[in-house]
Amino acid sequence: MFMEIAIAAIGIGIVLMVGYLVVAQVRAALPLGNITNSCLGLPNLTAPCVGLDNTSTLLVNPAVAGIASTQTTVFAGFGLLAVGIIVLAAFGLINVFK
């Protein structure tokens, strides 16, 4: 019984590590730098710049906040998997010493 629990914990651990690597690689591959402001100095009422900031040279890329929140959610899921590994290990140790 303990061997099955140990194999399950190792499998979950592998999924956990691969998931962290995938998330890190996706984040590194995305262009998350600042965006050059094409509306710099233009009036706020012209067609492409209506309601946009026309005083800053660089604008913050909106993908940065999206990637950060997605990464937080994914890491929370991985945290739950890590708790699952701990529970499986504890259950296995309890069965060993019964």
PDB file of N, CA and C in Angstrom:
ATOM      1  N   MET A   1       0.833  -1.204   0.000  1.00  0.00           N
ATOM      2  CA  MET A   1       0.000   0.000   0.000  1.00  0.00           C
ATOM      3  C   MET A   1       0.870   1.257   0.000  1.00  0.00           C
ATOM      4  N   PHE A   2       1.941   1.206   0.788  1.00  0.00           N
ATOM      5  CA  PHE A   2       2.794   2.392   0.870  1.00  0.00           C
ATOM      6  C   PHE A   2       3.481   2.676  -0.460  1.00  0.00           C
ATOM      7  N   MET A   3       3.792   1.622  -1.216  1.00  0.00           N
ATOM      8  CA  MET A   3       4.468   1.808  -2.501  1.00  0.00           C
ATOM      9  C   MET A   3       3.572   2.570  -3.481  1.00  0.00           C
ATOM     10  N   GLU A   4       2.279   2.260  -3.502  1.00  0.00           N
ATOM     11  CA  GLU A   4       1.357   2.971  -4.392  1.00  0.00           C
ATOM     12  C   GLU A   4       1.259   4.447  -4.002  1.00  0.00           C
ATOM     13  N   ILE A   5       1.230   4.715  -2.709  1.00  0.00           N
ATOM     14  CA  ILE A   5       1.150   6.097  -2.239  1.00  0.00           C
ATOM     15  C   ILE A   5       2.437   6.842  -2.576  1.00  0.00           C
ATOM     16  N   ALA A   6       3.572   6.185  -2.428  1.00  0.00           N
ATOM     17  CA  ALA A   6       4.848   6.820  -2.755  1.00  0.00           C
ATOM     18  C   ALA A   6       4.942   7.115  -4.248  1.00  0.00           C
ATOM     19  N   ILE A   7       4.487   6.192  -5.089  1.00  0.00           N
ATOM     20  CA  ILE A   7       4.508   6.412  -6.535  1.00  0.00           C
ATOM     21  C   ILE A   7       3.573   7.560  -6.908  1.00  0.00           C
ATOM     22  N   ALA A   8       2.409   7.626  -6.274  1.00  0.00           N
ATOM     23  CA  ALA A   8       1.482   8.731  -6.537  1.00  0.00           C
ATOM     24  C   ALA A   8       2.096  10.064  -6.128  1.00  0.00           C
ATOM     25  N   ALA A   9       2.773  10.110  -4.996  1.00  0.00           N
ATOM     26  CA  ALA A   9       3.406  11.350  -4.537  1.00  0.00           C
ATOM     27  C   ALA A   9       4.524  11.764  -5.492  1.00  0.00           C
ATOM     28  N   ILE A  10       5.295  10.796  -5.982  1.00  0.00           N
ATOM     29  CA  ILE A  10       6.358  11.123  -6.940  1.00  0.00           C
ATOM     30  C   ILE A  10       5.748  11.653  -8.236  1.00  0.00           C
ATOM     31  N   GLY A  11       4.667  11.044  -8.699  1.00  0.00           N
ATOM     32  CA  GLY A  11       3.997  11.519  -9.918  1.00  0.00           C
ATOM     33  C   GLY A  11       3.467  12.924  -9.775  1.00  0.00           C
ATOM     34  N   ILE A  12       2.847  13.213  -8.646  1.00  0.00           N
ATOM     35  CA  ILE A  12       2.342  14.571  -8.411  1.00  0.00           C
ATOM     36  C   ILE A  12       3.496  15.556  -8.320  1.00  0.00           C
ATOM     37  N   GLY A  13       4.594  15.152  -7.700  1.00  0.00           N
ATOM     38  CA  GLY A  13       5.768  16.023  -7.617  1.00  0.00           C
ATOM     39  C   GLY A  13       6.346  16.333  -8.986  1.00  0.00           C
ATOM     40  N   ILE A  14       6.368  15.347  -9.873  1.00  0.00           N
ATOM     41  CA  ILE A  14       6.867  15.578 -11.232  1.00  0.00           C
ATOM     42  C   ILE A  14       5.957  16.543 -11.973  1.00  0.00           C
ATOM     43  N   VAL A  15       4.655  16.351 -11.856  1.00  0.00           N
ATOM     44  CA  VAL A  15       3.708  17.280 -12.484  1.00  0.00           C
ATOM     45  C   VAL A  15       3.903  18.688 -11.944  1.00  0.00           C
ATOM     46  N   LEU A  16       4.128  18.797 -10.657  1.00  0.00           N
ATOM     47  CA  LEU A  16       4.353  20.091 -10.021  1.00  0.00           C
ATOM     48  C   LEU A  16       5.584  20.786 -10.589  1.00  0.00           C
ATOM     49  N   MET A  17       6.684  20.077 -10.695  1.00  0.00           N
ATOM     50  CA  MET A  17       7.929  20.682 -11.192  1.00  0.00           C
ATOM     51  C   MET A  17       7.819  21.044 -12.672  1.00  0.00           C
ATOM     52  N   VAL A  18       7.201  20.177 -13.472  1.00  0.00           N
ATOM     53  CA  VAL A  18       7.025  20.482 -14.897  1.00  0.00           C
ATOM     54  C   VAL A  18       6.111  21.701 -15.050  1.00  0.00           C
ATOM     55  N   GLY A  19       5.094  21.791 -14.225  1.00  0.00           N
ATOM     56  CA  GLY A  19       4.199  22.946 -14.286  1.00  0.00           C
ATOM     57  C   GLY A  19       4.924  24.244 -13.984  1.00  0.00           C
ATOM     58  N   TYR A  20       5.763  24.246 -12.951  1.00  0.00           N
ATOM     59  CA  TYR A  20       6.543  25.444 -12.641  1.00  0.00           C
ATOM     60  C   TYR A  20       7.450  25.823 -13.815  1.00  0.00           C
ATOM     61  N   LEU A  21       8.084  24.836 -14.432  1.00  0.00           N
ATOM     62  CA  LEU A  21       8.959  25.108 -15.570  1.00  0.00           C
ATOM     63  C   LEU A  21       8.180  25.676 -16.757  1.00  0.00           C
ATOM     64  N   VAL A  22       7.016  25.121 -17.033  1.00  0.00           N
ATOM     65  CA  VAL A  22       6.203  25.605 -18.156  1.00  0.00           C
ATOM     66  C   VAL A  22       5.766  27.045 -17.915  1.00  0.00           C
ATOM     67  N   VAL A  23       5.289  27.342 -16.717  1.00  0.00           N
ATOM     68  CA  VAL A  23       4.854  28.710 -16.416  1.00  0.00           C
ATOM     69  C   VAL A  23       6.024  29.685 -16.522  1.00  0.00           C
ATOM     70  N   ALA A  24       7.178  29.298 -16.034  1.00  0.00           N
ATOM     71  CA  ALA A  24       8.350  30.173 -16.119  1.00  0.00           C
ATOM     72  C   ALA A  24       8.770  30.398 -17.566  1.00  0.00           C
ATOM     73  N   GLN A  25       8.722  29.366 -18.397  1.00  0.00           N
ATOM     74  CA  GLN A  25       9.110  29.510 -19.797  1.00  0.00           C
ATOM     75  C   GLN A  25       8.110  30.369 -20.577  1.00  0.00           C
ATOM     76  N   VAL A  26       6.836  30.204 -20.293  1.00  0.00           N
ATOM     77  CA  VAL A  26       5.818  31.025 -20.969  1.00  0.00           C
ATOM     78  C   VAL A  26       5.991  32.487 -20.596  1.00  0.00           C
ATOM     79  N   ARG A  27       6.211  32.750 -19.317  1.00  0.00           N
ATOM     80  CA  ARG A  27       6.388  34.138 -18.893  1.00  0.00           C
ATOM     81  C   ARG A  27       7.647  34.748 -19.506  1.00  0.00           C
ATOM     82  N   ALA A  28       8.715  33.971 -19.608  1.00  0.00           N
ATOM     83  CA  ALA A  28       9.956  34.477 -20.200  1.00  0.00           C
ATOM     84  C   ALA A  28       9.806  34.719 -21.696  1.00  0.00           C
ATOM     85  N   ALA A  29       8.936  33.961 -22.368  1.00  0.00           N
ATOM     86  CA  ALA A  29       8.782  34.097 -23.816  1.00  0.00           C
ATOM     87  C   ALA A  29       7.905  35.283 -24.210  1.00  0.00           C
ATOM     88  N   LEU A  30       7.081  35.763 -23.310  1.00  0.00           N
ATOM     89  CA  LEU A  30       6.168  36.859 -23.654  1.00  0.00           C
ATOM     90  C   LEU A  30       6.870  38.215 -23.542  1.00  0.00           C
ATOM     91  N   PRO A  31       6.585  39.108 -24.471  1.00  0.00           N
ATOM     92  CA  PRO A  31       7.170  40.457 -24.383  1.00  0.00           C
ATOM     93  C   PRO A  31       6.435  41.284 -23.337  1.00  0.00           C
ATOM     94  N   LEU A  32       7.032  41.439 -22.190  1.00  0.00           N
ATOM     95  CA  LEU A  32       6.359  42.122 -21.089  1.00  0.00           C
ATOM     96  C   LEU A  32       6.976  43.477 -20.768  1.00  0.00           C
ATOM     97  N   GLY A  33       7.745  44.029 -21.681  1.00  0.00           N
ATOM     98  CA  GLY A  33       8.346  45.328 -21.430  1.00  0.00           C
ATOM     99  C   GLY A  33       7.341  46.453 -21.599  1.00  0.00           C
ATOM    100  N   ASN A  34       7.794  47.656 -21.343  1.00  0.00           N
ATOM    101  CA  ASN A  34       6.938  48.814 -21.520  1.00  0.00           C
ATOM    102  C   ASN A  34       6.713  49.078 -23.006  1.00  0.00           C
ATOM    103  N   ILE A  35       5.614  49.738 -23.319  1.00  0.00           N
ATOM    104  CA  ILE A  35       5.229  50.051 -24.688  1.00  0.00           C
ATOM    105  C   ILE A  35       5.516  51.522 -24.945  1.00  0.00           C
ATOM    106  N   THR A  36       6.092  51.831 -26.105  1.00  0.00           N
ATOM    107  CA  THR A  36       6.319  53.225 -26.470  1.00  0.00           C
ATOM    108  C   THR A  36       4.970  53.889 -26.730  1.00  0.00           C
ATOM    109  N   ASN A  37       4.770  55.057 -26.161  1.00  0.00           N
ATOM    110  CA  ASN A  37       3.508  55.766 -26.285  1.00  0.00           C
ATOM    111  C   ASN A  37       3.433  56.484 -27.630  1.00  0.00           C
ATOM    112  N   SER A  38       2.560  55.998 -28.506  1.00  0.00           N
ATOM    113  CA  SER A  38       2.408  56.621 -29.824  1.00  0.00           C
ATOM    114  C   SER A  38       1.552  57.890 -29.761  1.00  0.00           C
ATOM    115  N   CYS A  39       0.905  58.146 -28.638  1.00  0.00           N
ATOM    116  CA  CYS A  39       0.064  59.330 -28.499  1.00  0.00           C
ATOM    117  C   CYS A  39       0.781  60.470 -27.773  1.00  0.00           C
ATOM    118  N   LEU A  40       2.082  60.335 -27.556  1.00  0.00           N
ATOM    119  CA  LEU A  40       2.839  61.354 -26.835  1.00  0.00           C
ATOM    120  C   LEU A  40       2.758  62.693 -27.552  1.00  0.00           C
ATOM    121  N   GLY A  41       2.236  63.691 -26.864  1.00  0.00           N
ATOM    122  CA  GLY A  41       2.153  65.047 -27.397  1.00  0.00           C
ATOM    123  C   GLY A  41       0.966  65.310 -28.298  1.00  0.00           C
ATOM    124  N   LEU A  42       0.218  64.305 -28.682  1.00  0.00           N
ATOM    125  CA  LEU A  42      -0.961  64.504 -29.532  1.00  0.00           C
ATOM    126  C   LEU A  42      -2.151  64.916 -28.664  1.00  0.00           C
ATOM    127  N   PRO A  43      -3.086  65.653 -29.233  1.00  0.00           N
ATOM    128  CA  PRO A  43      -4.279  66.016 -28.457  1.00  0.00           C
ATOM    129  C   PRO A  43      -5.097  64.775 -28.096  1.00  0.00           C
ATOM    130  N   ASN A  44      -5.744  64.828 -26.950  1.00  0.00           N
ATOM    131  CA  ASN A  44      -6.530  63.695 -26.466  1.00  0.00           C
ATOM    132  C   ASN A  44      -7.782  63.428 -27.286  1.00  0.00           C
ATOM    133  N   LEU A  45      -8.134  64.296 -28.175  1.00  0.00           N
ATOM    134  CA  LEU A  45      -9.384  64.154 -28.919  1.00  0.00           C
ATOM    135  C   LEU A  45      -9.177  63.575 -30.314  1.00  0.00           C
ATOM    136  N   THR A  46      -7.935  63.323 -30.724  1.00  0.00           N
ATOM    137  CA  THR A  46      -7.708  62.730 -32.042  1.00  0.00           C
ATOM    138  C   THR A  46      -8.078  61.253 -32.006  1.00  0.00           C
ATOM    139  N   ALA A  47      -8.380  60.700 -33.168  1.00  0.00           N
ATOM    140  CA  ALA A  47      -8.982  59.366 -33.281  1.00  0.00           C
ATOM    141  C   ALA A  47      -8.251  58.250 -32.538  1.00  0.00           C
ATOM    142  N   PRO A  48      -6.968  58.006 -32.729  1.00  0.00           N
ATOM    143  CA  PRO A  48      -6.402  56.840 -32.026  1.00  0.00           C
ATOM    144  C   PRO A  48      -6.091  57.103 -30.562  1.00  0.00           C
ATOM    145  N   CYS A  49      -6.104  58.371 -30.134  1.00  0.00           N
ATOM    146  CA  CYS A  49      -5.633  58.701 -28.784  1.00  0.00           C
ATOM    147  C   CYS A  49      -6.731  59.171 -27.846  1.00  0.00           C
ATOM    148  N   VAL A  50      -7.988  58.926 -28.182  1.00  0.00           N
ATOM    149  CA  VAL A  50      -9.096  59.407 -27.358  1.00  0.00           C
ATOM    150  C   VAL A  50      -9.036  58.729 -25.993  1.00  0.00           C
ATOM    151  N   GLY A  51      -8.898  59.523 -24.947  1.00  0.00           N
ATOM    152  CA  GLY A  51      -8.896  59.032 -23.583  1.00  0.00           C
ATOM    153  C   GLY A  51      -7.595  58.394 -23.131  1.00  0.00           C
ATOM    154  N   LEU A  52      -6.564  58.410 -23.952  1.00  0.00           N
ATOM    155  CA  LEU A  52      -5.292  57.799 -23.569  1.00  0.00           C
ATOM    156  C   LEU A  52      -4.343  58.833 -22.989  1.00  0.00           C
ATOM    157  N   ASP A  53      -3.336  58.360 -22.285  1.00  0.00           N
ATOM    158  CA  ASP A  53      -2.314  59.228 -21.699  1.00  0.00           C
ATOM    159  C   ASP A  53      -1.425  59.775 -22.806  1.00  0.00           C
ATOM    160  N   ASN A  54      -1.325  61.091 -22.904  1.00  0.00           N
ATOM    161  CA  ASN A  54      -0.465  61.679 -23.926  1.00  0.00           C
ATOM    162  C   ASN A  54       0.705  62.441 -23.310  1.00  0.00           C
ATOM    163  N   THR A  55       1.014  62.132 -22.038  1.00  0.00           N
ATOM    164  CA  THR A  55       2.103  62.840 -21.359  1.00  0.00           C
ATOM    165  C   THR A  55       3.299  61.945 -21.045  1.00  0.00           C
ATOM    166  N   SER A  56       3.144  60.632 -21.100  1.00  0.00           N
ATOM    167  CA  SER A  56       4.230  59.717 -20.751  1.00  0.00           C
ATOM    168  C   SER A  56       4.926  59.201 -22.004  1.00  0.00           C
ATOM    169  N   THR A  57       6.231  59.010 -21.890  1.00  0.00           N
ATOM    170  CA  THR A  57       6.989  58.444 -23.005  1.00  0.00           C
ATOM    171  C   THR A  57       6.705  56.952 -23.153  1.00  0.00           C
ATOM    172  N   LEU A  58       6.625  56.235 -22.023  1.00  0.00           N
ATOM    173  CA  LEU A  58       6.366  54.795 -22.039  1.00  0.00           C
ATOM    174  C   LEU A  58       5.070  54.486 -21.306  1.00  0.00           C
ATOM    175  N   LEU A  59       4.359  53.475 -21.780  1.00  0.00           N
ATOM    176  CA  LEU A  59       3.148  52.997 -21.121  1.00  0.00           C
ATOM    177  C   LEU A  59       3.407  51.602 -20.572  1.00  0.00           C
ATOM    178  N   VAL A  60       2.774  51.281 -19.463  1.00  0.00           N
ATOM    179  CA  VAL A  60       2.911  49.944 -18.880  1.00  0.00           C
ATOM    180  C   VAL A  60       2.115  48.974 -19.741  1.00  0.00           C
ATOM    181  N   ASN A  61       2.734  47.856 -20.079  1.00  0.00           N
ATOM    182  CA  ASN A  61       2.085  46.836 -20.889  1.00  0.00           C
ATOM    183  C   ASN A  61       0.965  46.194 -20.073  1.00  0.00           C
ATOM    184  N   PRO A  62      -0.280  46.189 -20.576  1.00  0.00           N
ATOM    185  CA  PRO A  62      -1.376  45.591 -19.803  1.00  0.00           C
ATOM    186  C   PRO A  62      -1.233  44.079 -19.638  1.00  0.00           C
ATOM    187  N   ALA A  63      -0.409  43.451 -20.453  1.00  0.00           N
ATOM    188  CA  ALA A  63      -0.222  41.999 -20.317  1.00  0.00           C
ATOM    189  C   ALA A  63       0.519  41.651 -19.034  1.00  0.00           C
ATOM    190  N   VAL A  64       1.260  42.607 -18.479  1.00  0.00           N
ATOM    191  CA  VAL A  64       2.030  42.331 -17.251  1.00  0.00           C
ATOM    192  C   VAL A  64       1.090  41.960 -16.109  1.00  0.00           C
ATOM    193  N   ALA A  65       0.030  42.726 -15.922  1.00  0.00           N
ATOM    194  CA  ALA A  65      -0.923  42.438 -14.844  1.00  0.00           C
ATOM    195  C   ALA A  65      -1.654  41.126 -15.107  1.00  0.00           C
ATOM    196  N   GLY A  66      -2.002  40.865 -16.363  1.00  0.00           N
ATOM    197  CA  GLY A  66      -2.692  39.623 -16.700  1.00  0.00           C
ATOM    198  C   GLY A  66      -1.835  38.396 -16.446  1.00  0.00           C
ATOM    199  N   ILE A  67      -0.574  38.477 -16.840  1.00  0.00           N
ATOM    200  CA  ILE A  67       0.333  37.345 -16.634  1.00  0.00           C
ATOM    201  C   ILE A  67       0.573  37.134 -15.142  1.00  0.00           C
ATOM    202  N   ALA A  68       0.720  38.223 -14.394  1.00  0.00           N
ATOM    203  CA  ALA A  68       0.967  38.105 -12.955  1.00  0.00           C
ATOM    204  C   ALA A  68      -0.214  37.444 -12.246  1.00  0.00           C
ATOM    205  N   SER A  69      -1.441  37.838 -12.600  1.00  0.00           N
ATOM    206  CA  SER A  69      -2.599  37.240 -11.929  1.00  0.00           C
ATOM    207  C   SER A  69      -2.788  35.783 -12.344  1.00  0.00           C
ATOM    208  N   THR A  70      -2.531  35.481 -13.609  1.00  0.00           N
ATOM    209  CA  THR A  70      -2.625  34.089 -14.057  1.00  0.00           C
ATOM    210  C   THR A  70      -1.576  33.229 -13.371  1.00  0.00           C
ATOM    211  N   GLN A  71      -0.357  33.764 -13.260  1.00  0.00           N
ATOM    212  CA  GLN A  71       0.709  33.012 -12.606  1.00  0.00           C
ATOM    213  C   GLN A  71       0.372  32.782 -11.135  1.00  0.00           C
ATOM    214  N   THR A  72      -0.227  33.752 -10.481  1.00  0.00           N
ATOM    215  CA  THR A  72      -0.633  33.588  -9.085  1.00  0.00           C
ATOM    216  C   THR A  72      -1.662  32.470  -8.937  1.00  0.00           C
ATOM    217  N   THR A  73      -2.633  32.448  -9.848  1.00  0.00           N
ATOM    218  CA  THR A  73      -3.662  31.404  -9.792  1.00  0.00           C
ATOM    219  C   THR A  73      -3.062  30.020 -10.028  1.00  0.00           C
ATOM    220  N   VAL A  74      -2.174  29.923 -11.027  1.00  0.00           N
ATOM    221  CA  VAL A  74      -1.555  28.633 -11.326  1.00  0.00           C
ATOM    222  C   VAL A  74      -0.680  28.173 -10.162  1.00  0.00           C
ATOM    223  N   PHE A  75       0.071  29.089  -9.569  1.00  0.00           N
ATOM    224  CA  PHE A  75       0.919  28.714  -8.434  1.00  0.00           C
ATOM    225  C   PHE A  75       0.085  28.308  -7.227  1.00  0.00           C
ATOM    226  N   ALA A  76      -1.101  28.902  -7.064  1.00  0.00           N
ATOM    227  CA  ALA A  76      -1.983  28.472  -5.978  1.00  0.00           C
ATOM    228  C   ALA A  76      -2.433  27.032  -6.206  1.00  0.00           C
ATOM    229  N   GLY A  77      -2.730  26.695  -7.457  1.00  0.00           N
ATOM    230  CA  GLY A  77      -3.079  25.313  -7.774  1.00  0.00           C
ATOM    231  C   GLY A  77      -1.927  24.363  -7.509  1.00  0.00           C
ATOM    232  N   PHE A  78      -0.712  24.795  -7.849  1.00  0.00           N
ATOM    233  CA  PHE A  78       0.454  23.969  -7.573  1.00  0.00           C
ATOM    234  C   PHE A  78       0.673  23.821  -6.069  1.00  0.00           C
ATOM    235  N   GLY A  79       0.341  24.853  -5.312  1.00  0.00           N
ATOM    236  CA  GLY A  79       0.430  24.760  -3.855  1.00  0.00           C
ATOM    237  C   GLY A  79      -0.522  23.702  -3.310  1.00  0.00           C
ATOM    238  N   LEU A  80      -1.714  23.630  -3.908  1.00  0.00           N
ATOM    239  CA  LEU A  80      -2.658  22.584  -3.498  1.00  0.00           C
ATOM    240  C   LEU A  80      -2.114  21.196  -3.825  1.00  0.00           C
ATOM    241  N   LEU A  81      -1.443  21.074  -4.968  1.00  0.00           N
ATOM    242  CA  LEU A  81      -0.811  19.793  -5.290  1.00  0.00           C
ATOM    243  C   LEU A  81       0.273  19.438  -4.272  1.00  0.00           C
ATOM    244  N   ALA A  82       1.036  20.451  -3.854  1.00  0.00           N
ATOM    245  CA  ALA A  82       2.085  20.200  -2.857  1.00  0.00           C
ATOM    246  C   ALA A  82       1.472  19.741  -1.543  1.00  0.00           C
ATOM    247  N   VAL A  83       0.360  20.328  -1.156  1.00  0.00           N
ATOM    248  CA  VAL A  83      -0.334  19.881   0.054  1.00  0.00           C
ATOM    249  C   VAL A  83      -0.810  18.443  -0.123  1.00  0.00           C
ATOM    250  N   GLY A  84      -1.255  18.108  -1.336  1.00  0.00           N
ATOM    251  CA  GLY A  84      -1.660  16.734  -1.617  1.00  0.00           C
ATOM    252  C   GLY A  84      -0.514  15.759  -1.436  1.00  0.00           C
ATOM    253  N   ILE A  85       0.681  16.156  -1.852  1.00  0.00           N
ATOM    254  CA  ILE A  85       1.854  15.299  -1.661  1.00  0.00           C
ATOM    255  C   ILE A  85       2.113  15.082  -0.178  1.00  0.00           C
ATOM    256  N   ILE A  86       2.017  16.136   0.600  1.00  0.00           N
ATOM    257  CA  ILE A  86       2.251  16.022   2.040  1.00  0.00           C
ATOM    258  C   ILE A  86       1.212  15.104   2.683  1.00  0.00           C
ATOM    259  N   VAL A  87      -0.039  15.242   2.282  1.00  0.00           N
ATOM    260  CA  VAL A  87      -1.098  14.394   2.832  1.00  0.00           C
ATOM    261  C   VAL A  87      -0.869  12.935   2.443  1.00  0.00           C
ATOM    262  N   LEU A  88      -0.494  12.707   1.170  1.00  0.00           N
ATOM    263  CA  LEU A  88      -0.221  11.333   0.743  1.00  0.00           C
ATOM    264  C   LEU A  88       0.936  10.720   1.527  1.00  0.00           C
ATOM    265  N   ALA A  89       1.983  11.503   1.729  1.00  0.00           N
ATOM    266  CA  ALA A  89       3.137  10.997   2.488  1.00  0.00           C
ATOM    267  C   ALA A  89       2.743  10.695   3.929  1.00  0.00           C
ATOM    268  N   ALA A  90       1.958  11.581   4.534  1.00  0.00           N
ATOM    269  CA  ALA A  90       1.524  11.341   5.915  1.00  0.00           C
ATOM    270  C   ALA A  90       0.649  10.096   6.002  1.00  0.00           C
ATOM    271  N   PHE A  91      -0.246   9.932   5.038  1.00  0.00           N
ATOM    272  CA  PHE A  91      -1.114   8.752   5.021  1.00  0.00           C
ATOM    273  C   PHE A  91      -0.282   7.482   4.872  1.00  0.00           C
ATOM    274  N   GLY A  92       0.730   7.549   4.009  1.00  0.00           N
ATOM    275  CA  GLY A  92       1.610   6.391   3.835  1.00  0.00           C
ATOM    276  C   GLY A  92       2.378   6.049   5.096  1.00  0.00           C
ATOM    277  N   LEU A  93       2.885   7.066   5.792  1.00  0.00           N
ATOM    278  CA  LEU A  93       3.620   6.804   7.037  1.00  0.00           C
ATOM    279  C   LEU A  93       2.703   6.243   8.120  1.00  0.00           C
ATOM    280  N   ILE A  94       1.483   6.723   8.154  1.00  0.00           N
ATOM    281  CA  ILE A  94       0.528   6.179   9.132  1.00  0.00           C
ATOM    282  C   ILE A  94       0.288   4.703   8.854  1.00  0.00           C
ATOM    283  N   ASN A  95       0.131   4.352   7.558  1.00  0.00           N
ATOM    284  CA  ASN A  95      -0.105   2.941   7.213  1.00  0.00           C
ATOM    285  C   ASN A  95       1.114   2.073   7.492  1.00  0.00           C
ATOM    286  N   VAL A  96       2.303   2.627   7.335  1.00  0.00           N
ATOM    287  CA  VAL A  96       3.511   1.849   7.597  1.00  0.00           C
ATOM    288  C   VAL A  96       3.610   1.505   9.084  1.00  0.00           C
ATOM    289  N   PHE A  97       3.273   2.439   9.955  1.00  0.00           N
ATOM    290  CA  PHE A  97       3.457   2.224  11.398  1.00  0.00           C
ATOM    291  C   PHE A  97       2.205   1.707  12.092  1.00  0.00           C
ATOM    292  N   LYS A  98       1.204   1.287  11.337  1.00  0.00           N
ATOM    293  CA  LYS A  98      -0.019   0.715  11.944  1.00  0.00           C
ATOM    294  C   LYS A  98       0.289  -0.614  12.583  1.00  0.00           C
TER     295      LYS A  98
END
